[in-house]
Every structure is written in structure tokens, then in C-alpha cells.
Amino acid sequence: KDRVSVTGIICFFYGVPIMWSSRKQDIVAYSSGHAELASTCFGIRVGLFIKDMLEGFGYPQGRVPIFSDSRSAMSWLLNCHDEDDNDLKKHMDIKWRWARSYFTDGSFSLNYMPTSEMPADAMTKALTPEVFEKGRRRMNVW
């Protein structure tokens, strides 16, 4: 096994999925928190693209919600201070600062969603058929 985490995201517009992705991350994260940070950063990049596209079509967007099932990654993104993060590798430090700027300026909000309710989980790991079906229904994919 290559130990590379998988990022899964789904972007909804009025409850309908308009973009989704499941892909291996570019790096081997040295903790699950860092893997979650990489996923959140990818979600922000996609969210920025979709937000700009929708605004270009005349659909003004307010604060865009981002959902995570990792309380530790959320706390790290929203509450950590530079002096608390001496162990950050340079690439993670840059991602953290970049991602955090979108939460502090109000462009995005970071919200907790339990793993059992996270629709993107159906795209990131092997699941039992029952759990996969629940995820598929949460994605509004029939």
C-alpha cells in the first residue's frame, strides 16, 4: 500500500451535486490531520472556481460552507497560531496559511459534519454496500 490519502469532495448547488472528485493526494501526509488539511485546501480551490463561475453567471455567492469530519484539522485551521506549529513542513505551512486566509476573511465557513453523514466518504474508502448506499443517497445520486 502506498499510504497516500484519498481526497473526496462534492460541490452542491441548491442541493444538486454540480462537481465531484475523488483522487489520491499529491503528498504522503504524516498525520491524518495533515491529510485532512490537504483535502480542505483542495476543496477551497474548487470552491473558489465554482464561486467565481456562479458569480460570473449572475448568481452572487456569500460565505461558502466547507464541511469536514475532522475536528482536529478544523481546530488546527481556525485556532492555531504560528508559534504552535513548529513541526509543520514548509508545504503544509503554506497550505495552512493559504486556507486559513479564506476563513478569516469570511469567504468560506468551516463546519463540522460527522463521518457517518459525510457524503464524500462514499468516494474515498471501501465501504459496506449499506454504508455506500447511504452515502450515495446523501449525494443525491440515483
C-alpha atoms as a PDB file:
ATOM      1  CA  LYS A   1       0.000   0.000   0.000  1.00  0.00           C
ATOM      2  CA  ASP A   2       1.377   3.427  -0.914  1.00  0.00           C
ATOM      3  CA  ARG A   3      -0.075   5.209   2.168  1.00  0.00           C
ATOM      4  CA  VAL A   4      -1.326   8.132   0.096  1.00  0.00           C
ATOM      5  CA  SER A   5      -4.636   9.508   1.360  1.00  0.00           C
ATOM      6  CA  VAL A   6      -7.621   9.995  -0.914  1.00  0.00           C
ATOM      7  CA  THR A   7      -9.438  13.326  -1.100  1.00  0.00           C
ATOM      8  CA  GLY A   8     -13.131  13.299  -1.898  1.00  0.00           C
ATOM      9  CA  ILE A   9     -15.208  16.412  -2.450  1.00  0.00           C
ATOM     10  CA  ILE A  10     -18.706  17.149  -3.665  1.00  0.00           C
ATOM     11  CA  CYS A  11     -19.964  20.633  -4.509  1.00  0.00           C
ATOM     12  CA  PHE A  12     -23.701  21.189  -4.288  1.00  0.00           C
ATOM     13  CA  PHE A  13     -25.770  23.980  -5.832  1.00  0.00           C
ATOM     14  CA  TYR A  14     -29.317  24.102  -4.449  1.00  0.00           C
ATOM     15  CA  GLY A  15     -28.870  20.545  -3.163  1.00  0.00           C
ATOM     16  CA  VAL A  16     -27.739  19.128  -6.506  1.00  0.00           C
ATOM     17  CA  PRO A  17     -24.160  17.920  -6.980  1.00  0.00           C
ATOM     18  CA  ILE A  18     -22.555  20.004  -9.731  1.00  0.00           C
ATOM     19  CA  MET A  19     -18.948  18.875  -9.248  1.00  0.00           C
ATOM     20  CA  TRP A  20     -17.293  15.956  -7.510  1.00  0.00           C
ATOM     21  CA  SER A  21     -13.840  14.496  -7.298  1.00  0.00           C
ATOM     22  CA  SER A  22     -12.080  11.548  -5.747  1.00  0.00           C
ATOM     23  CA  ARG A  23      -8.319  11.441  -6.152  1.00  0.00           C
ATOM     24  CA  LYS A  24      -5.123  10.485  -4.422  1.00  0.00           C
ATOM     25  CA  GLN A  25      -3.324  13.338  -2.740  1.00  0.00           C
ATOM     26  CA  ASP A  26      -0.069  14.677  -4.173  1.00  0.00           C
ATOM     27  CA  ILE A  27       1.839  14.007  -0.962  1.00  0.00           C
ATOM     28  CA  VAL A  28       2.115  11.357   1.711  1.00  0.00           C
ATOM     29  CA  ALA A  29       0.730  13.153   4.752  1.00  0.00           C
ATOM     30  CA  TYR A  30       2.482  12.380   8.013  1.00  0.00           C
ATOM     31  CA  SER A  31      -0.763  12.500  10.012  1.00  0.00           C
ATOM     32  CA  SER A  32      -4.482  12.251   9.375  1.00  0.00           C
ATOM     33  CA  GLY A  33      -4.789  15.928  10.322  1.00  0.00           C
ATOM     34  CA  HIS A  34      -2.385  16.890   7.556  1.00  0.00           C
ATOM     35  CA  ALA A  35      -4.300  14.699   5.100  1.00  0.00           C
ATOM     36  CA  GLU A  36      -7.497  16.484   6.117  1.00  0.00           C
ATOM     37  CA  LEU A  37      -5.788  19.849   5.661  1.00  0.00           C
ATOM     38  CA  ALA A  38      -4.758  18.846   2.130  1.00  0.00           C
ATOM     39  CA  SER A  39      -8.364  17.828   1.409  1.00  0.00           C
ATOM     40  CA  THR A  40      -9.707  21.100   2.763  1.00  0.00           C
ATOM     41  CA  CYS A  41      -7.253  23.074   0.629  1.00  0.00           C
ATOM     42  CA  PHE A  42      -8.356  21.192  -2.474  1.00  0.00           C
ATOM     43  CA  GLY A  43     -11.983  21.883  -1.540  1.00  0.00           C
ATOM     44  CA  ILE A  44     -11.245  25.594  -1.219  1.00  0.00           C
ATOM     45  CA  ARG A  45      -9.543  25.675  -4.630  1.00  0.00           C
ATOM     46  CA  VAL A  46     -12.548  24.020  -6.252  1.00  0.00           C
ATOM     47  CA  GLY A  47     -14.929  26.190  -4.218  1.00  0.00           C
ATOM     48  CA  LEU A  48     -13.190  29.355  -5.406  1.00  0.00           C
ATOM     49  CA  PHE A  49     -13.510  28.250  -9.022  1.00  0.00           C
ATOM     50  CA  ILE A  50     -17.211  27.420  -8.673  1.00  0.00           C
ATOM     51  CA  LYS A  51     -17.927  30.578  -6.663  1.00  0.00           C
ATOM     52  CA  ASP A  52     -16.298  32.745  -9.354  1.00  0.00           C
ATOM     53  CA  MET A  53     -18.107  30.855 -12.115  1.00  0.00           C
ATOM     54  CA  LEU A  54     -21.521  31.216 -10.465  1.00  0.00           C
ATOM     55  CA  GLU A  55     -20.940  34.900  -9.757  1.00  0.00           C
ATOM     56  CA  GLY A  56     -19.958  35.326 -13.410  1.00  0.00           C
ATOM     57  CA  PHE A  57     -23.317  33.796 -14.366  1.00  0.00           C
ATOM     58  CA  GLY A  58     -25.098  36.311 -12.138  1.00  0.00           C
ATOM     59  CA  TYR A  59     -25.584  34.155  -9.021  1.00  0.00           C
ATOM     60  CA  PRO A  60     -23.970  36.161  -6.194  1.00  0.00           C
ATOM     61  CA  GLN A  61     -22.396  33.929  -3.565  1.00  0.00           C
ATOM     62  CA  GLY A  62     -21.991  34.771   0.079  1.00  0.00           C
ATOM     63  CA  ARG A  63     -19.898  32.777   2.509  1.00  0.00           C
ATOM     64  CA  VAL A  64     -19.312  29.313   1.049  1.00  0.00           C
ATOM     65  CA  PRO A  65     -19.629  26.462   3.564  1.00  0.00           C
ATOM     66  CA  ILE A  66     -16.888  23.826   3.703  1.00  0.00           C
ATOM     67  CA  PHE A  67     -17.637  20.653   5.677  1.00  0.00           C
ATOM     68  CA  SER A  68     -15.073  18.456   7.399  1.00  0.00           C
ATOM     69  CA  ASP A  69     -15.349  15.354   9.552  1.00  0.00           C
ATOM     70  CA  SER A  70     -12.035  16.086  11.284  1.00  0.00           C
ATOM     71  CA  ARG A  71     -12.366  18.227  14.394  1.00  0.00           C
ATOM     72  CA  SER A  72      -8.597  18.251  14.857  1.00  0.00           C
ATOM     73  CA  ALA A  73      -7.978  19.607  11.342  1.00  0.00           C
ATOM     74  CA  MET A  74     -10.717  22.200  11.849  1.00  0.00           C
ATOM     75  CA  SER A  75      -9.222  23.322  15.143  1.00  0.00           C
ATOM     76  CA  TRP A  76      -5.797  23.471  13.563  1.00  0.00           C
ATOM     77  CA  LEU A  77      -7.056  25.588  10.661  1.00  0.00           C
ATOM     78  CA  LEU A  78      -9.103  28.009  12.745  1.00  0.00           C
ATOM     79  CA  ASN A  79      -7.314  28.258  16.079  1.00  0.00           C
ATOM     80  CA  CYS A  80      -3.598  27.504  15.739  1.00  0.00           C
ATOM     81  CA  HIS A  81      -1.027  30.214  15.913  1.00  0.00           C
ATOM     82  CA  ASP A  82       2.306  30.258  14.156  1.00  0.00           C
ATOM     83  CA  GLU A  83       4.256  29.531  17.341  1.00  0.00           C
ATOM     84  CA  ASP A  84       2.155  26.385  17.929  1.00  0.00           C
ATOM     85  CA  ASP A  85       3.155  24.863  14.604  1.00  0.00           C
ATOM     86  CA  ASN A  86       6.889  24.391  14.787  1.00  0.00           C
ATOM     87  CA  ASP A  87       6.578  20.876  13.367  1.00  0.00           C
ATOM     88  CA  LEU A  88       4.944  21.970  10.125  1.00  0.00           C
ATOM     89  CA  LYS A  89       6.752  21.127   6.955  1.00  0.00           C
ATOM     90  CA  LYS A  90       7.075  24.070   4.577  1.00  0.00           C
ATOM     91  CA  HIS A  91       4.481  22.784   2.074  1.00  0.00           C
ATOM     92  CA  MET A  92       1.937  22.218   4.859  1.00  0.00           C
ATOM     93  CA  ASP A  93       2.661  25.613   6.414  1.00  0.00           C
ATOM     94  CA  ILE A  94       1.976  27.331   3.090  1.00  0.00           C
ATOM     95  CA  LYS A  95      -1.294  25.393   2.633  1.00  0.00           C
ATOM     96  CA  TRP A  96      -2.362  26.174   6.195  1.00  0.00           C
ATOM     97  CA  ARG A  97      -1.753  29.910   5.815  1.00  0.00           C
ATOM     98  CA  TRP A  98      -3.448  29.989   2.396  1.00  0.00           C
ATOM     99  CA  ALA A  99      -6.518  28.053   3.582  1.00  0.00           C
ATOM    100  CA  ARG A 100      -6.835  29.968   6.828  1.00  0.00           C
ATOM    101  CA  SER A 101      -6.910  33.298   4.961  1.00  0.00           C
ATOM    102  CA  TYR A 102     -10.215  32.343   3.300  1.00  0.00           C
ATOM    103  CA  PHE A 103     -11.825  31.535   6.640  1.00  0.00           C
ATOM    104  CA  THR A 104     -10.570  34.678   8.354  1.00  0.00           C
ATOM    105  CA  ASP A 105     -11.706  36.975   5.513  1.00  0.00           C
ATOM    106  CA  GLY A 106     -15.212  35.463   5.557  1.00  0.00           C
ATOM    107  CA  SER A 107     -15.160  33.924   2.066  1.00  0.00           C
ATOM    108  CA  PHE A 108     -15.679  30.422   3.467  1.00  0.00           C
ATOM    109  CA  SER A 109     -17.024  28.937   6.665  1.00  0.00           C
ATOM    110  CA  LEU A 110     -15.697  25.683   8.111  1.00  0.00           C
ATOM    111  CA  ASN A 111     -18.364  23.390   9.527  1.00  0.00           C
ATOM    112  CA  TYR A 112     -18.225  20.016  11.244  1.00  0.00           C
ATOM    113  CA  MET A 113     -20.109  17.083   9.733  1.00  0.00           C
ATOM    114  CA  PRO A 114     -19.849  13.662  11.397  1.00  0.00           C
ATOM    115  CA  THR A 115     -18.188  10.968   9.307  1.00  0.00           C
ATOM    116  CA  SER A 116     -21.449   8.988   9.360  1.00  0.00           C
ATOM    117  CA  GLU A 117     -23.164  11.857   7.489  1.00  0.00           C
ATOM    118  CA  MET A 118     -20.304  12.850   5.150  1.00  0.00           C
ATOM    119  CA  PRO A 119     -21.431  12.122   1.562  1.00  0.00           C
ATOM    120  CA  ALA A 120     -17.897  12.336   0.120  1.00  0.00           C
ATOM    121  CA  ASP A 121     -16.784   9.356   2.226  1.00  0.00           C
ATOM    122  CA  ALA A 122     -18.515   7.092  -0.284  1.00  0.00           C
ATOM    123  CA  MET A 123     -15.803   8.140  -2.750  1.00  0.00           C
ATOM    124  CA  THR A 124     -12.727   7.797  -0.557  1.00  0.00           C
ATOM    125  CA  LYS A 125     -12.724   4.352   1.032  1.00  0.00           C
ATOM    126  CA  ALA A 126     -14.051   0.842   0.798  1.00  0.00           C
ATOM    127  CA  LEU A 127     -17.467   0.657   2.429  1.00  0.00           C
ATOM    128  CA  THR A 128     -20.080  -1.973   3.034  1.00  0.00           C
ATOM    129  CA  PRO A 129     -22.900  -1.889   0.462  1.00  0.00           C
ATOM    130  CA  GLU A 130     -25.287  -0.467   3.073  1.00  0.00           C
ATOM    131  CA  VAL A 131     -22.979   2.398   4.050  1.00  0.00           C
ATOM    132  CA  PHE A 132     -22.195   3.104   0.389  1.00  0.00           C
ATOM    133  CA  GLU A 133     -25.939   3.332  -0.380  1.00  0.00           C
ATOM    134  CA  LYS A 134     -26.417   5.843   2.433  1.00  0.00           C
ATOM    135  CA  GLY A 135     -23.575   7.939   1.039  1.00  0.00           C
ATOM    136  CA  ARG A 136     -24.982   7.741  -2.475  1.00  0.00           C
ATOM    137  CA  ARG A 137     -28.361   8.967  -1.232  1.00  0.00           C
ATOM    138  CA  ARG A 138     -26.668  11.841   0.609  1.00  0.00           C
ATOM    139  CA  MET A 139     -25.003  12.789  -2.687  1.00  0.00           C
ATOM    140  CA  ASN A 140     -28.440  12.874  -4.359  1.00  0.00           C
ATOM    141  CA  VAL A 141     -27.189  10.414  -6.960  1.00  0.00           C
ATOM    142  CA  TRP A 142     -29.730   7.830  -8.027  1.00  0.00           C
END
